[in-house]
Amino acid sequence: MIEDMEYLPGETPLDPDEMDGLKFTHIETRGQLDELEQANIDNGMLWLGRQRNPNLLNDHFVRQLHEKLFGEVWQWAGTYRLTEKNIGIDPFQISVQLRQLLDNVHFWVENETYEPMEVAARFHHSLVYIHLFPNGNGRHARIMADALLEVLYGSDPIDWSGGYDLQRMNERRDQYINALRAADAGDYTLLFQFIGWKD
């Protein structure tokens, strides 16, 4: 079990019960955990690539994708969080707010309310803001946004990392966190710039 888990700015700390959901009791360092999670994400991406015309905009798919990305590592993968965090809405509002978001995105797509990249950015931000799961929300939300672009618009995914590792402290991660915080306040300018949509 990992003792004294260290978190980067913008990451969501896990409570002791959530940490107990780690399936590998021999893991002792954050680096080992990161490697396990990345291997699981790689497998989850293979699963996603095998899906033909998935119905992205429903609760079941959102939870299923998280389970495929993190379920080999965490027992609670694909299950909405039940605890308050340093970010996110009241856990008892998650299912309602997600349903509203999915309905909104469906409307935006059907009515061409926004351009595809703006839909993806707004969708991503809202998933992170709601903070559906105990952990893995940013990675899950980025993959959901990319899936939306590829499946519903036939567009290329976003270059989120820009050559950096968003799971490590660096300038790109700082830009990402700042862009999300600005979007929390209703200003999407930095997020649009971050994804390379608008200068």
C-alpha atoms as a PDB file:
ATOM      1  CA  MET A   1       0.000   0.000   0.000  1.00  0.00           C
ATOM      2  CA  ILE A   2       1.198   3.496  -0.814  1.00  0.00           C
ATOM      3  CA  GLU A   3       2.093   5.530   2.255  1.00  0.00           C
ATOM      4  CA  ASP A   4       1.962   9.340   2.150  1.00  0.00           C
ATOM      5  CA  MET A   5       0.623   9.573  -1.405  1.00  0.00           C
ATOM      6  CA  GLU A   6       1.815  12.824  -2.992  1.00  0.00           C
ATOM      7  CA  TYR A   7      -0.518  14.818  -5.221  1.00  0.00           C
ATOM      8  CA  LEU A   8       0.208  17.447  -7.834  1.00  0.00           C
ATOM      9  CA  PRO A   9      -1.610  20.786  -7.774  1.00  0.00           C
ATOM     10  CA  GLY A  10      -5.021  20.233  -9.346  1.00  0.00           C
ATOM     11  CA  GLU A  11      -5.149  16.526  -8.486  1.00  0.00           C
ATOM     12  CA  THR A  12      -7.880  15.053  -6.330  1.00  0.00           C
ATOM     13  CA  PRO A  13      -6.678  13.342  -3.148  1.00  0.00           C
ATOM     14  CA  LEU A  14      -8.195   9.931  -2.444  1.00  0.00           C
ATOM     15  CA  ASP A  15      -9.662   9.252   0.970  1.00  0.00           C
ATOM     16  CA  PRO A  16      -8.560   6.124   2.894  1.00  0.00           C
ATOM     17  CA  ASP A  17     -11.580   4.063   1.787  1.00  0.00           C
ATOM     18  CA  GLU A  18     -10.880   4.914  -1.847  1.00  0.00           C
ATOM     19  CA  MET A  19      -7.212   4.020  -1.417  1.00  0.00           C
ATOM     20  CA  ASP A  20      -8.360   0.661  -0.060  1.00  0.00           C
ATOM     21  CA  GLY A  21      -9.862   0.072  -3.502  1.00  0.00           C
ATOM     22  CA  LEU A  22      -6.385  -0.432  -4.966  1.00  0.00           C
ATOM     23  CA  LYS A  23      -6.295  -3.986  -6.328  1.00  0.00           C
ATOM     24  CA  PHE A  24      -2.515  -4.342  -6.011  1.00  0.00           C
ATOM     25  CA  THR A  25      -1.474  -4.311  -2.362  1.00  0.00           C
ATOM     26  CA  HIS A  26       2.238  -4.612  -3.228  1.00  0.00           C
ATOM     27  CA  ILE A  27       2.305  -1.118  -4.795  1.00  0.00           C
ATOM     28  CA  GLU A  28       4.432   1.179  -2.631  1.00  0.00           C
ATOM     29  CA  THR A  29       5.213   4.264  -4.753  1.00  0.00           C
ATOM     30  CA  ARG A  30       3.383   6.788  -6.856  1.00  0.00           C
ATOM     31  CA  GLY A  31       5.589   5.828  -9.801  1.00  0.00           C
ATOM     32  CA  GLN A  32       4.484   2.208  -9.604  1.00  0.00           C
ATOM     33  CA  LEU A  33       0.847   3.292  -9.439  1.00  0.00           C
ATOM     34  CA  ASP A  34       1.279   5.589 -12.450  1.00  0.00           C
ATOM     35  CA  GLU A  35       2.752   2.721 -14.467  1.00  0.00           C
ATOM     36  CA  LEU A  36      -0.122   0.407 -13.558  1.00  0.00           C
ATOM     37  CA  GLU A  37      -2.706   3.026 -14.417  1.00  0.00           C
ATOM     38  CA  GLN A  38      -1.043   3.809 -17.763  1.00  0.00           C
ATOM     39  CA  ALA A  39      -1.027   0.115 -18.711  1.00  0.00           C
ATOM     40  CA  ASN A  40      -4.724  -0.061 -17.816  1.00  0.00           C
ATOM     41  CA  ILE A  41      -5.454   3.092 -19.850  1.00  0.00           C
ATOM     42  CA  ASP A  42      -3.652   1.560 -22.828  1.00  0.00           C
ATOM     43  CA  ASN A  43      -5.910  -1.497 -22.560  1.00  0.00           C
ATOM     44  CA  GLY A  44      -8.945   0.746 -22.190  1.00  0.00           C
ATOM     45  CA  MET A  45      -7.980   2.624 -25.347  1.00  0.00           C
ATOM     46  CA  LEU A  46      -7.753  -0.688 -27.221  1.00  0.00           C
ATOM     47  CA  TRP A  47     -11.269  -1.500 -26.000  1.00  0.00           C
ATOM     48  CA  LEU A  48     -12.515   1.916 -27.111  1.00  0.00           C
ATOM     49  CA  GLY A  49     -10.957   1.458 -30.540  1.00  0.00           C
ATOM     50  CA  ARG A  50     -12.904  -1.775 -31.012  1.00  0.00           C
ATOM     51  CA  GLN A  51     -16.269  -0.119 -30.404  1.00  0.00           C
ATOM     52  CA  ARG A  52     -18.302   0.503 -33.531  1.00  0.00           C
ATOM     53  CA  ASN A  53     -20.515   3.611 -33.425  1.00  0.00           C
ATOM     54  CA  PRO A  54     -20.685   3.705 -29.626  1.00  0.00           C
ATOM     55  CA  ASN A  55     -23.486   5.694 -28.026  1.00  0.00           C
ATOM     56  CA  LEU A  56     -21.181   8.129 -26.241  1.00  0.00           C
ATOM     57  CA  LEU A  57     -23.774  10.446 -24.816  1.00  0.00           C
ATOM     58  CA  ASN A  58     -25.293   8.211 -22.191  1.00  0.00           C
ATOM     59  CA  ASP A  59     -24.597   7.469 -18.551  1.00  0.00           C
ATOM     60  CA  HIS A  60     -23.769   3.799 -19.140  1.00  0.00           C
ATOM     61  CA  PHE A  61     -21.031   4.532 -21.680  1.00  0.00           C
ATOM     62  CA  VAL A  62     -19.468   7.254 -19.516  1.00  0.00           C
ATOM     63  CA  ARG A  63     -19.192   4.849 -16.580  1.00  0.00           C
ATOM     64  CA  GLN A  64     -18.169   1.884 -18.737  1.00  0.00           C
ATOM     65  CA  LEU A  65     -15.295   3.819 -20.298  1.00  0.00           C
ATOM     66  CA  HIS A  66     -13.952   4.807 -16.875  1.00  0.00           C
ATOM     67  CA  GLU A  67     -14.167   1.162 -15.776  1.00  0.00           C
ATOM     68  CA  LYS A  68     -12.245   0.042 -18.861  1.00  0.00           C
ATOM     69  CA  LEU A  69      -9.566   2.700 -18.288  1.00  0.00           C
ATOM     70  CA  PHE A  70      -9.063   2.112 -14.556  1.00  0.00           C
ATOM     71  CA  GLY A  71     -10.866  -1.105 -13.556  1.00  0.00           C
ATOM     72  CA  GLU A  72      -7.757  -3.289 -13.593  1.00  0.00           C
ATOM     73  CA  VAL A  73      -6.277  -1.041 -10.881  1.00  0.00           C
ATOM     74  CA  TRP A  74      -9.198   0.298  -8.806  1.00  0.00           C
ATOM     75  CA  GLN A  75     -12.230  -1.585  -7.478  1.00  0.00           C
ATOM     76  CA  TRP A  76     -14.370   1.556  -7.667  1.00  0.00           C
ATOM     77  CA  ALA A  77     -13.617   2.316 -11.338  1.00  0.00           C
ATOM     78  CA  GLY A  78     -16.782   3.217 -13.211  1.00  0.00           C
ATOM     79  CA  THR A  79     -18.606   4.067  -9.981  1.00  0.00           C
ATOM     80  CA  TYR A  80     -19.544   7.638  -9.154  1.00  0.00           C
ATOM     81  CA  ARG A  81     -17.773   9.105  -6.145  1.00  0.00           C
ATOM     82  CA  LEU A  82     -19.621   9.291  -2.847  1.00  0.00           C
ATOM     83  CA  THR A  83     -17.284  11.734  -1.104  1.00  0.00           C
ATOM     84  CA  GLU A  84     -16.721  15.480  -1.231  1.00  0.00           C
ATOM     85  CA  LYS A  85     -13.490  16.532  -2.959  1.00  0.00           C
ATOM     86  CA  ASN A  86     -11.385  19.654  -3.402  1.00  0.00           C
ATOM     87  CA  ILE A  87     -13.109  20.000  -6.779  1.00  0.00           C
ATOM     88  CA  GLY A  88     -16.464  18.948  -8.145  1.00  0.00           C
ATOM     89  CA  ILE A  89     -20.116  19.190  -7.269  1.00  0.00           C
ATOM     90  CA  ASP A  90     -21.999  17.541  -4.407  1.00  0.00           C
ATOM     91  CA  PRO A  91     -21.690  13.793  -5.056  1.00  0.00           C
ATOM     92  CA  PHE A  92     -25.449  13.343  -4.742  1.00  0.00           C
ATOM     93  CA  GLN A  93     -25.955  15.668  -7.721  1.00  0.00           C
ATOM     94  CA  ILE A  94     -23.568  13.832 -10.057  1.00  0.00           C
ATOM     95  CA  SER A  95     -26.078  11.668 -11.929  1.00  0.00           C
ATOM     96  CA  VAL A  96     -28.497  14.575 -12.441  1.00  0.00           C
ATOM     97  CA  GLN A  97     -25.793  16.992 -13.601  1.00  0.00           C
ATOM     98  CA  LEU A  98     -24.279  14.402 -15.934  1.00  0.00           C
ATOM     99  CA  ARG A  99     -27.665  13.695 -17.516  1.00  0.00           C
ATOM    100  CA  GLN A 100     -28.153  17.436 -18.081  1.00  0.00           C
ATOM    101  CA  LEU A 101     -24.671  17.734 -19.602  1.00  0.00           C
ATOM    102  CA  LEU A 102     -25.209  14.788 -21.948  1.00  0.00           C
ATOM    103  CA  ASP A 103     -28.563  16.231 -23.039  1.00  0.00           C
ATOM    104  CA  ASN A 104     -26.902  19.610 -23.649  1.00  0.00           C
ATOM    105  CA  VAL A 105     -24.105  18.086 -25.726  1.00  0.00           C
ATOM    106  CA  HIS A 106     -26.618  16.082 -27.748  1.00  0.00           C
ATOM    107  CA  PHE A 107     -28.511  19.327 -28.426  1.00  0.00           C
ATOM    108  CA  TRP A 108     -25.296  21.167 -29.391  1.00  0.00           C
ATOM    109  CA  VAL A 109     -24.344  18.430 -31.837  1.00  0.00           C
ATOM    110  CA  GLU A 110     -27.813  18.070 -33.379  1.00  0.00           C
ATOM    111  CA  ASN A 111     -28.321  21.817 -33.757  1.00  0.00           C
ATOM    112  CA  GLU A 112     -24.725  22.743 -34.624  1.00  0.00           C
ATOM    113  CA  THR A 113     -24.767  25.209 -31.732  1.00  0.00           C
ATOM    114  CA  TYR A 114     -20.969  25.297 -31.588  1.00  0.00           C
ATOM    115  CA  GLU A 115     -18.130  24.163 -33.812  1.00  0.00           C
ATOM    116  CA  PRO A 116     -16.840  20.656 -33.040  1.00  0.00           C
ATOM    117  CA  MET A 117     -13.741  21.789 -31.131  1.00  0.00           C
ATOM    118  CA  GLU A 118     -15.812  24.083 -28.943  1.00  0.00           C
ATOM    119  CA  VAL A 119     -18.255  21.272 -28.174  1.00  0.00           C
ATOM    120  CA  ALA A 120     -15.317  19.034 -27.214  1.00  0.00           C
ATOM    121  CA  ALA A 121     -13.750  21.718 -25.004  1.00  0.00           C
ATOM    122  CA  ARG A 122     -17.000  22.530 -23.218  1.00  0.00           C
ATOM    123  CA  PHE A 123     -17.791  18.831 -22.781  1.00  0.00           C
ATOM    124  CA  HIS A 124     -14.346  18.146 -21.367  1.00  0.00           C
ATOM    125  CA  HIS A 125     -14.485  21.049 -18.963  1.00  0.00           C
ATOM    126  CA  SER A 126     -17.934  20.107 -17.676  1.00  0.00           C
ATOM    127  CA  LEU A 127     -16.921  16.490 -17.057  1.00  0.00           C
ATOM    128  CA  VAL A 128     -13.918  17.678 -15.036  1.00  0.00           C
ATOM    129  CA  TYR A 129     -16.042  20.252 -13.211  1.00  0.00           C
ATOM    130  CA  ILE A 130     -18.658  17.670 -12.180  1.00  0.00           C
ATOM    131  CA  HIS A 131     -15.827  15.289 -11.200  1.00  0.00           C
ATOM    132  CA  LEU A 132     -17.694  12.054 -11.588  1.00  0.00           C
ATOM    133  CA  PHE A 133     -15.250   9.591 -10.068  1.00  0.00           C
ATOM    134  CA  PRO A 134     -12.873   9.385  -7.089  1.00  0.00           C
ATOM    135  CA  ASN A 135      -9.888   9.707  -9.455  1.00  0.00           C
ATOM    136  CA  GLY A 136      -8.918   9.685 -13.137  1.00  0.00           C
ATOM    137  CA  ASN A 137     -11.382  12.416 -14.074  1.00  0.00           C
ATOM    138  CA  GLY A 138      -9.036  14.515 -16.216  1.00  0.00           C
ATOM    139  CA  ARG A 139      -7.758  11.561 -18.208  1.00  0.00           C
ATOM    140  CA  HIS A 140     -11.272  10.159 -18.626  1.00  0.00           C
ATOM    141  CA  ALA A 141     -12.640  13.563 -19.697  1.00  0.00           C
ATOM    142  CA  ARG A 142      -9.881  14.061 -22.276  1.00  0.00           C
ATOM    143  CA  ILE A 143     -10.554  10.644 -23.773  1.00  0.00           C
ATOM    144  CA  MET A 144     -14.316  11.305 -23.800  1.00  0.00           C
ATOM    145  CA  ALA A 145     -13.781  14.614 -25.610  1.00  0.00           C
ATOM    146  CA  ASP A 146     -11.531  12.947 -28.185  1.00  0.00           C
ATOM    147  CA  ALA A 147     -14.051  10.136 -28.686  1.00  0.00           C
ATOM    148  CA  LEU A 148     -16.761  12.719 -29.263  1.00  0.00           C
ATOM    149  CA  LEU A 149     -14.674  14.421 -31.950  1.00  0.00           C
ATOM    150  CA  GLU A 150     -13.805  11.159 -33.677  1.00  0.00           C
ATOM    151  CA  VAL A 151     -17.187   9.403 -33.470  1.00  0.00           C
ATOM    152  CA  LEU A 152     -19.658  12.270 -33.888  1.00  0.00           C
ATOM    153  CA  TYR A 153     -17.640  14.593 -36.116  1.00  0.00           C
ATOM    154  CA  GLY A 154     -15.049  12.385 -37.802  1.00  0.00           C
ATOM    155  CA  SER A 155     -12.393  14.807 -36.544  1.00  0.00           C
ATOM    156  CA  ASP A 156      -8.888  14.214 -35.225  1.00  0.00           C
ATOM    157  CA  PRO A 157      -8.381  14.079 -31.450  1.00  0.00           C
ATOM    158  CA  ILE A 158      -6.966  17.013 -29.518  1.00  0.00           C
ATOM    159  CA  ASP A 159      -3.238  17.199 -28.795  1.00  0.00           C
ATOM    160  CA  TRP A 160      -3.739  17.619 -25.061  1.00  0.00           C
ATOM    161  CA  SER A 161      -0.158  16.972 -23.998  1.00  0.00           C
ATOM    162  CA  GLY A 162       1.662  19.117 -26.564  1.00  0.00           C
ATOM    163  CA  GLY A 163       4.704  16.905 -26.110  1.00  0.00           C
ATOM    164  CA  TYR A 164       4.514  16.995 -22.310  1.00  0.00           C
ATOM    165  CA  ASP A 165       3.207  14.585 -19.688  1.00  0.00           C
ATOM    166  CA  LEU A 166       0.114  16.114 -18.103  1.00  0.00           C
ATOM    167  CA  GLN A 167       0.558  13.754 -15.143  1.00  0.00           C
ATOM    168  CA  ARG A 168       3.782  15.581 -14.214  1.00  0.00           C
ATOM    169  CA  MET A 169       4.456  19.144 -13.137  1.00  0.00           C
ATOM    170  CA  ASN A 170       5.451  21.223 -16.157  1.00  0.00           C
ATOM    171  CA  GLU A 171       4.467  24.389 -17.999  1.00  0.00           C
ATOM    172  CA  ARG A 172       1.873  22.583 -20.116  1.00  0.00           C
ATOM    173  CA  ARG A 173       0.124  21.191 -17.035  1.00  0.00           C
ATOM    174  CA  ASP A 174       0.093  24.657 -15.453  1.00  0.00           C
ATOM    175  CA  GLN A 175      -1.554  26.035 -18.610  1.00  0.00           C
ATOM    176  CA  TYR A 176      -4.115  23.222 -18.527  1.00  0.00           C
ATOM    177  CA  ILE A 177      -5.058  23.783 -14.876  1.00  0.00           C
ATOM    178  CA  ASN A 178      -5.263  27.559 -15.383  1.00  0.00           C
ATOM    179  CA  ALA A 179      -7.456  27.084 -18.463  1.00  0.00           C
ATOM    180  CA  LEU A 180      -9.846  24.833 -16.544  1.00  0.00           C
ATOM    181  CA  ARG A 181     -10.049  27.291 -13.648  1.00  0.00           C
ATOM    182  CA  ALA A 182     -10.833  30.142 -16.025  1.00  0.00           C
ATOM    183  CA  ALA A 183     -13.540  27.998 -17.628  1.00  0.00           C
ATOM    184  CA  ASP A 184     -14.965  27.362 -14.144  1.00  0.00           C
ATOM    185  CA  ALA A 185     -15.575  31.112 -14.050  1.00  0.00           C
ATOM    186  CA  GLY A 186     -17.186  31.054 -17.511  1.00  0.00           C
ATOM    187  CA  ASP A 187     -14.176  32.180 -19.584  1.00  0.00           C
ATOM    188  CA  TYR A 188     -13.204  29.492 -22.127  1.00  0.00           C
ATOM    189  CA  THR A 189     -10.592  31.591 -23.931  1.00  0.00           C
ATOM    190  CA  LEU A 190      -7.568  29.903 -22.341  1.00  0.00           C
ATOM    191  CA  LEU A 191      -9.035  26.440 -22.850  1.00  0.00           C
ATOM    192  CA  PHE A 192      -9.673  27.131 -26.538  1.00  0.00           C
ATOM    193  CA  GLN A 193      -6.095  28.350 -26.864  1.00  0.00           C
ATOM    194  CA  PHE A 194      -4.806  25.323 -24.974  1.00  0.00           C
ATOM    195  CA  ILE A 195      -6.446  22.854 -27.382  1.00  0.00           C
ATOM    196  CA  GLY A 196      -5.152  24.845 -30.357  1.00  0.00           C
ATOM    197  CA  TRP A 197      -8.528  25.939 -31.607  1.00  0.00           C
ATOM    198  CA  LYS A 198      -8.230  29.713 -31.234  1.00  0.00           C
ATOM    199  CA  ASP A 199      -5.153  31.883 -30.783  1.00  0.00           C
END
